[in-house]
Amino acid sequence: MALIKPRALQYFKKYGLLETIKWVEEDLRNTSKADLELLSTVDFATLELDREGNAISVITVRDLIASEPEWAAKLDQEPFSGENIATALKKLGELFGDGETS
């Protein structure tokens, strides 16, 4: 919590977000920028797939990323390999408690 400015810390306490911030700090502190980008993109993709009632898998996540003009170029980057997307799906399952993928 040392990196959080006092004003932000007051806000988090006021709105009951302190435990969430501690959780983020503990679980994601040593995660690289590239891995955070991968996790966040895969997370958004899985939320969209779930909202549409589609299965969540490496293939469907890659297809969704490819279909989004803002995201498509990410698939040319190493962090967005199929293996890394599979790892991200597993990590998201661990973080948020639903590791089910098809």
N, C-alpha and C. Protein backbone atom coordinates (compact mmCIF):
# COMPACT_ATOMS: atom_id res chain seq x y z
N MET A 1 0.82 -1.19 0.00
CA MET A 1 0.00 0.00 0.00
C MET A 1 0.87 1.26 0.00
N ALA A 2 2.17 1.06 0.06
CA ALA A 2 3.09 2.19 0.14
C ALA A 2 3.06 3.06 -1.10
N LEU A 3 2.68 2.51 -2.25
CA LEU A 3 2.68 3.27 -3.50
C LEU A 3 1.41 4.09 -3.70
N ILE A 4 0.42 3.89 -2.86
CA ILE A 4 -0.85 4.59 -3.02
C ILE A 4 -0.78 5.92 -2.28
N LYS A 5 -1.15 6.98 -2.97
CA LYS A 5 -1.11 8.31 -2.39
C LYS A 5 -2.18 8.42 -1.30
N PRO A 6 -1.92 9.22 -0.25
CA PRO A 6 -2.86 9.32 0.87
C PRO A 6 -4.28 9.69 0.46
N ARG A 7 -4.44 10.57 -0.49
CA ARG A 7 -5.79 10.97 -0.92
C ARG A 7 -6.53 9.79 -1.55
N ALA A 8 -5.83 9.02 -2.38
CA ALA A 8 -6.43 7.84 -3.00
C ALA A 8 -6.77 6.81 -1.93
N LEU A 9 -5.90 6.65 -0.97
CA LEU A 9 -6.14 5.70 0.11
C LEU A 9 -7.41 6.07 0.89
N GLN A 10 -7.61 7.36 1.15
CA GLN A 10 -8.84 7.81 1.82
C GLN A 10 -10.07 7.46 0.98
N TYR A 11 -9.99 7.65 -0.31
CA TYR A 11 -11.10 7.32 -1.21
C TYR A 11 -11.42 5.84 -1.14
N PHE A 12 -10.38 5.01 -1.23
CA PHE A 12 -10.58 3.56 -1.19
C PHE A 12 -11.22 3.13 0.12
N LYS A 13 -10.78 3.73 1.23
CA LYS A 13 -11.36 3.40 2.54
C LYS A 13 -12.82 3.84 2.59
N LYS A 14 -13.09 5.05 2.12
CA LYS A 14 -14.44 5.61 2.16
C LYS A 14 -15.44 4.73 1.42
N TYR A 15 -15.04 4.19 0.29
CA TYR A 15 -15.95 3.41 -0.54
C TYR A 15 -15.77 1.90 -0.40
N GLY A 16 -15.07 1.49 0.65
CA GLY A 16 -14.95 0.07 0.93
C GLY A 16 -14.14 -0.71 -0.08
N LEU A 17 -13.18 -0.05 -0.69
CA LEU A 17 -12.38 -0.69 -1.74
C LEU A 17 -10.99 -1.10 -1.27
N LEU A 18 -10.70 -0.90 -0.01
CA LEU A 18 -9.35 -1.16 0.49
C LEU A 18 -8.96 -2.63 0.34
N GLU A 19 -9.86 -3.55 0.64
CA GLU A 19 -9.55 -4.98 0.50
C GLU A 19 -9.30 -5.34 -0.97
N THR A 20 -10.06 -4.72 -1.87
CA THR A 20 -9.86 -4.97 -3.30
C THR A 20 -8.49 -4.48 -3.74
N ILE A 21 -8.11 -3.32 -3.27
CA ILE A 21 -6.80 -2.76 -3.62
C ILE A 21 -5.69 -3.64 -3.06
N LYS A 22 -5.86 -4.12 -1.85
CA LYS A 22 -4.86 -5.03 -1.26
C LYS A 22 -4.76 -6.30 -2.10
N TRP A 23 -5.90 -6.82 -2.53
CA TRP A 23 -5.93 -8.04 -3.35
C TRP A 23 -5.18 -7.80 -4.67
N VAL A 24 -5.45 -6.69 -5.32
CA VAL A 24 -4.77 -6.37 -6.59
C VAL A 24 -3.27 -6.26 -6.35
N GLU A 25 -2.90 -5.57 -5.29
CA GLU A 25 -1.49 -5.38 -4.99
C GLU A 25 -0.80 -6.72 -4.72
N GLU A 26 -1.44 -7.59 -3.95
CA GLU A 26 -0.84 -8.87 -3.61
C GLU A 26 -0.75 -9.80 -4.82
N ASP A 27 -1.82 -9.88 -5.61
CA ASP A 27 -1.87 -10.85 -6.71
C ASP A 27 -1.23 -10.37 -8.01
N LEU A 28 -1.15 -9.08 -8.21
CA LEU A 28 -0.66 -8.58 -9.49
C LEU A 28 0.59 -7.71 -9.39
N ARG A 29 1.12 -7.55 -8.22
CA ARG A 29 2.25 -6.65 -8.00
C ARG A 29 3.43 -6.94 -8.92
N ASN A 30 3.78 -8.18 -9.10
CA ASN A 30 4.97 -8.53 -9.87
C ASN A 30 4.64 -8.92 -11.32
N THR A 31 3.46 -8.57 -11.77
CA THR A 31 3.04 -8.89 -13.13
C THR A 31 3.55 -7.81 -14.08
N SER A 32 4.16 -8.24 -15.17
CA SER A 32 4.72 -7.28 -16.13
C SER A 32 3.61 -6.52 -16.86
N LYS A 33 3.98 -5.41 -17.45
CA LYS A 33 3.03 -4.61 -18.23
C LYS A 33 2.44 -5.44 -19.36
N ALA A 34 3.27 -6.23 -20.05
CA ALA A 34 2.79 -7.07 -21.15
C ALA A 34 1.79 -8.11 -20.65
N ASP A 35 2.08 -8.71 -19.49
CA ASP A 35 1.17 -9.70 -18.94
C ASP A 35 -0.14 -9.07 -18.46
N LEU A 36 -0.06 -7.86 -17.92
CA LEU A 36 -1.28 -7.15 -17.52
C LEU A 36 -2.14 -6.83 -18.74
N GLU A 37 -1.49 -6.43 -19.83
CA GLU A 37 -2.22 -6.16 -21.07
C GLU A 37 -2.90 -7.44 -21.58
N LEU A 38 -2.16 -8.54 -21.55
CA LEU A 38 -2.72 -9.82 -21.97
C LEU A 38 -3.90 -10.20 -21.09
N LEU A 39 -3.72 -10.14 -19.78
CA LEU A 39 -4.80 -10.50 -18.85
C LEU A 39 -6.03 -9.63 -19.05
N SER A 40 -5.83 -8.33 -19.18
CA SER A 40 -6.99 -7.44 -19.32
C SER A 40 -7.70 -7.65 -20.64
N THR A 41 -6.96 -7.85 -21.71
CA THR A 41 -7.58 -8.09 -23.02
C THR A 41 -8.33 -9.40 -23.03
N VAL A 42 -7.72 -10.46 -22.51
CA VAL A 42 -8.38 -11.76 -22.46
C VAL A 42 -9.60 -11.69 -21.54
N ASP A 43 -9.50 -10.96 -20.44
CA ASP A 43 -10.64 -10.81 -19.54
C ASP A 43 -11.80 -10.12 -20.24
N PHE A 44 -11.53 -9.02 -20.93
CA PHE A 44 -12.59 -8.33 -21.67
C PHE A 44 -13.19 -9.24 -22.73
N ALA A 45 -12.35 -10.00 -23.41
CA ALA A 45 -12.84 -10.91 -24.44
C ALA A 45 -13.75 -11.98 -23.83
N THR A 46 -13.34 -12.54 -22.70
CA THR A 46 -14.17 -13.58 -22.08
C THR A 46 -15.50 -13.02 -21.59
N LEU A 47 -15.48 -11.80 -21.09
CA LEU A 47 -16.74 -11.18 -20.66
C LEU A 47 -17.68 -10.99 -21.84
N GLU A 48 -17.13 -10.55 -22.97
CA GLU A 48 -17.94 -10.36 -24.17
C GLU A 48 -18.46 -11.70 -24.69
N LEU A 49 -17.61 -12.70 -24.73
CA LEU A 49 -18.04 -14.03 -25.19
C LEU A 49 -19.14 -14.57 -24.29
N ASP A 50 -18.96 -14.42 -22.99
CA ASP A 50 -19.97 -14.89 -22.04
C ASP A 50 -21.28 -14.13 -22.21
N ARG A 51 -21.20 -12.83 -22.39
CA ARG A 51 -22.39 -12.00 -22.57
C ARG A 51 -23.18 -12.45 -23.79
N GLU A 52 -22.45 -12.86 -24.83
CA GLU A 52 -23.10 -13.31 -26.07
C GLU A 52 -23.51 -14.78 -26.01
N GLY A 53 -23.17 -15.46 -24.91
CA GLY A 53 -23.52 -16.86 -24.77
C GLY A 53 -22.62 -17.81 -25.54
N ASN A 54 -21.41 -17.35 -25.86
CA ASN A 54 -20.46 -18.17 -26.61
C ASN A 54 -19.50 -18.89 -25.68
N ALA A 55 -19.00 -20.01 -26.13
CA ALA A 55 -18.01 -20.77 -25.38
C ALA A 55 -16.73 -19.94 -25.24
N ILE A 56 -16.02 -20.19 -24.16
CA ILE A 56 -14.76 -19.49 -23.92
C ILE A 56 -13.63 -20.50 -24.09
N SER A 57 -12.77 -20.24 -25.05
CA SER A 57 -11.62 -21.10 -25.33
C SER A 57 -10.54 -20.23 -25.95
N VAL A 58 -9.37 -20.79 -26.12
CA VAL A 58 -8.29 -20.04 -26.77
C VAL A 58 -8.74 -19.61 -28.17
N ILE A 59 -9.39 -20.50 -28.88
CA ILE A 59 -9.82 -20.20 -30.25
C ILE A 59 -10.85 -19.08 -30.28
N THR A 60 -11.86 -19.14 -29.40
CA THR A 60 -12.90 -18.10 -29.43
C THR A 60 -12.35 -16.76 -28.95
N VAL A 61 -11.43 -16.80 -27.99
CA VAL A 61 -10.81 -15.55 -27.53
C VAL A 61 -9.98 -14.95 -28.66
N ARG A 62 -9.17 -15.78 -29.33
CA ARG A 62 -8.36 -15.27 -30.45
C ARG A 62 -9.25 -14.73 -31.57
N ASP A 63 -10.35 -15.43 -31.87
CA ASP A 63 -11.26 -14.96 -32.92
C ASP A 63 -11.88 -13.61 -32.55
N LEU A 64 -12.26 -13.46 -31.28
CA LEU A 64 -12.85 -12.19 -30.86
C LEU A 64 -11.81 -11.07 -30.94
N ILE A 65 -10.61 -11.33 -30.47
CA ILE A 65 -9.54 -10.32 -30.55
C ILE A 65 -9.30 -9.93 -32.01
N ALA A 66 -9.26 -10.92 -32.89
CA ALA A 66 -9.03 -10.66 -34.32
C ALA A 66 -10.15 -9.84 -34.94
N SER A 67 -11.36 -9.97 -34.41
CA SER A 67 -12.50 -9.26 -34.98
C SER A 67 -12.62 -7.81 -34.53
N GLU A 68 -11.85 -7.44 -33.53
CA GLU A 68 -11.90 -6.07 -33.00
C GLU A 68 -10.76 -5.25 -33.60
N PRO A 69 -11.08 -4.23 -34.40
CA PRO A 69 -10.02 -3.43 -35.04
C PRO A 69 -8.96 -2.90 -34.07
N GLU A 70 -9.37 -2.51 -32.87
CA GLU A 70 -8.41 -1.97 -31.90
C GLU A 70 -7.50 -3.04 -31.32
N TRP A 71 -7.93 -4.29 -31.37
CA TRP A 71 -7.18 -5.38 -30.74
C TRP A 71 -6.45 -6.27 -31.73
N ALA A 72 -6.88 -6.33 -32.97
CA ALA A 72 -6.40 -7.33 -33.93
C ALA A 72 -4.87 -7.39 -34.01
N ALA A 73 -4.21 -6.26 -34.01
CA ALA A 73 -2.74 -6.24 -34.14
C ALA A 73 -2.05 -6.90 -32.95
N LYS A 74 -2.74 -7.01 -31.83
CA LYS A 74 -2.14 -7.65 -30.66
C LYS A 74 -1.76 -9.10 -30.95
N LEU A 75 -2.52 -9.74 -31.83
CA LEU A 75 -2.26 -11.15 -32.13
C LEU A 75 -0.91 -11.38 -32.81
N ASP A 76 -0.30 -10.31 -33.32
CA ASP A 76 1.02 -10.40 -33.93
C ASP A 76 2.14 -10.29 -32.90
N GLN A 77 1.76 -10.00 -31.65
CA GLN A 77 2.75 -9.83 -30.58
C GLN A 77 2.91 -11.14 -29.81
N GLU A 78 4.12 -11.42 -29.36
CA GLU A 78 4.42 -12.64 -28.63
C GLU A 78 3.51 -12.87 -27.41
N PRO A 79 3.23 -11.83 -26.61
CA PRO A 79 2.39 -12.10 -25.45
C PRO A 79 1.00 -12.67 -25.80
N PHE A 80 0.57 -12.51 -27.04
CA PHE A 80 -0.77 -12.96 -27.43
C PHE A 80 -0.74 -14.27 -28.21
N SER A 81 0.27 -15.09 -27.96
CA SER A 81 0.32 -16.42 -28.58
C SER A 81 -0.80 -17.28 -27.98
N GLY A 82 -1.15 -18.33 -28.68
CA GLY A 82 -2.18 -19.23 -28.18
C GLY A 82 -1.84 -19.78 -26.81
N GLU A 83 -0.58 -20.14 -26.62
CA GLU A 83 -0.14 -20.68 -25.33
C GLU A 83 -0.31 -19.65 -24.22
N ASN A 84 0.05 -18.40 -24.51
CA ASN A 84 -0.07 -17.35 -23.50
C ASN A 84 -1.53 -17.02 -23.21
N ILE A 85 -2.39 -17.08 -24.21
CA ILE A 85 -3.82 -16.86 -23.98
C ILE A 85 -4.37 -17.97 -23.10
N ALA A 86 -3.94 -19.21 -23.34
CA ALA A 86 -4.37 -20.33 -22.49
C ALA A 86 -3.91 -20.11 -21.05
N THR A 87 -2.69 -19.64 -20.88
CA THR A 87 -2.17 -19.35 -19.54
C THR A 87 -2.98 -18.23 -18.89
N ALA A 88 -3.32 -17.21 -19.67
CA ALA A 88 -4.12 -16.09 -19.15
C ALA A 88 -5.51 -16.58 -18.73
N LEU A 89 -6.12 -17.44 -19.52
CA LEU A 89 -7.43 -17.99 -19.15
C LEU A 89 -7.35 -18.73 -17.82
N LYS A 90 -6.30 -19.50 -17.64
CA LYS A 90 -6.10 -20.23 -16.39
C LYS A 90 -5.91 -19.25 -15.23
N LYS A 91 -5.06 -18.25 -15.42
CA LYS A 91 -4.79 -17.26 -14.38
C LYS A 91 -6.07 -16.50 -14.00
N LEU A 92 -6.86 -16.13 -15.01
CA LEU A 92 -8.13 -15.44 -14.72
C LEU A 92 -9.06 -16.34 -13.92
N GLY A 93 -9.06 -17.62 -14.24
CA GLY A 93 -9.86 -18.57 -13.46
C GLY A 93 -9.40 -18.63 -12.02
N GLU A 94 -8.09 -18.59 -11.81
CA GLU A 94 -7.55 -18.60 -10.46
C GLU A 94 -7.88 -17.30 -9.71
N LEU A 95 -7.77 -16.18 -10.42
CA LEU A 95 -8.03 -14.88 -9.79
C LEU A 95 -9.50 -14.67 -9.47
N PHE A 96 -10.36 -15.09 -10.39
CA PHE A 96 -11.78 -14.78 -10.24
C PHE A 96 -12.64 -15.99 -9.94
N GLY A 97 -12.02 -17.16 -9.80
CA GLY A 97 -12.73 -18.32 -9.31
C GLY A 97 -13.50 -19.12 -10.31
N ASP A 98 -13.36 -18.87 -11.60
CA ASP A 98 -14.06 -19.68 -12.60
C ASP A 98 -13.08 -20.08 -13.67
N GLY A 99 -12.45 -21.22 -13.49
CA GLY A 99 -11.45 -21.67 -14.43
C GLY A 99 -12.00 -22.50 -15.57
N GLU A 100 -13.32 -22.49 -15.76
CA GLU A 100 -13.93 -23.32 -16.79
C GLU A 100 -13.76 -22.70 -18.17
N THR A 101 -13.15 -23.43 -19.06
CA THR A 101 -13.05 -23.03 -20.46
C THR A 101 -13.35 -24.23 -21.30
N SER A 102 -13.72 -24.01 -22.57
CA SER A 102 -14.01 -25.14 -23.43
C SER A 102 -12.87 -25.38 -24.40
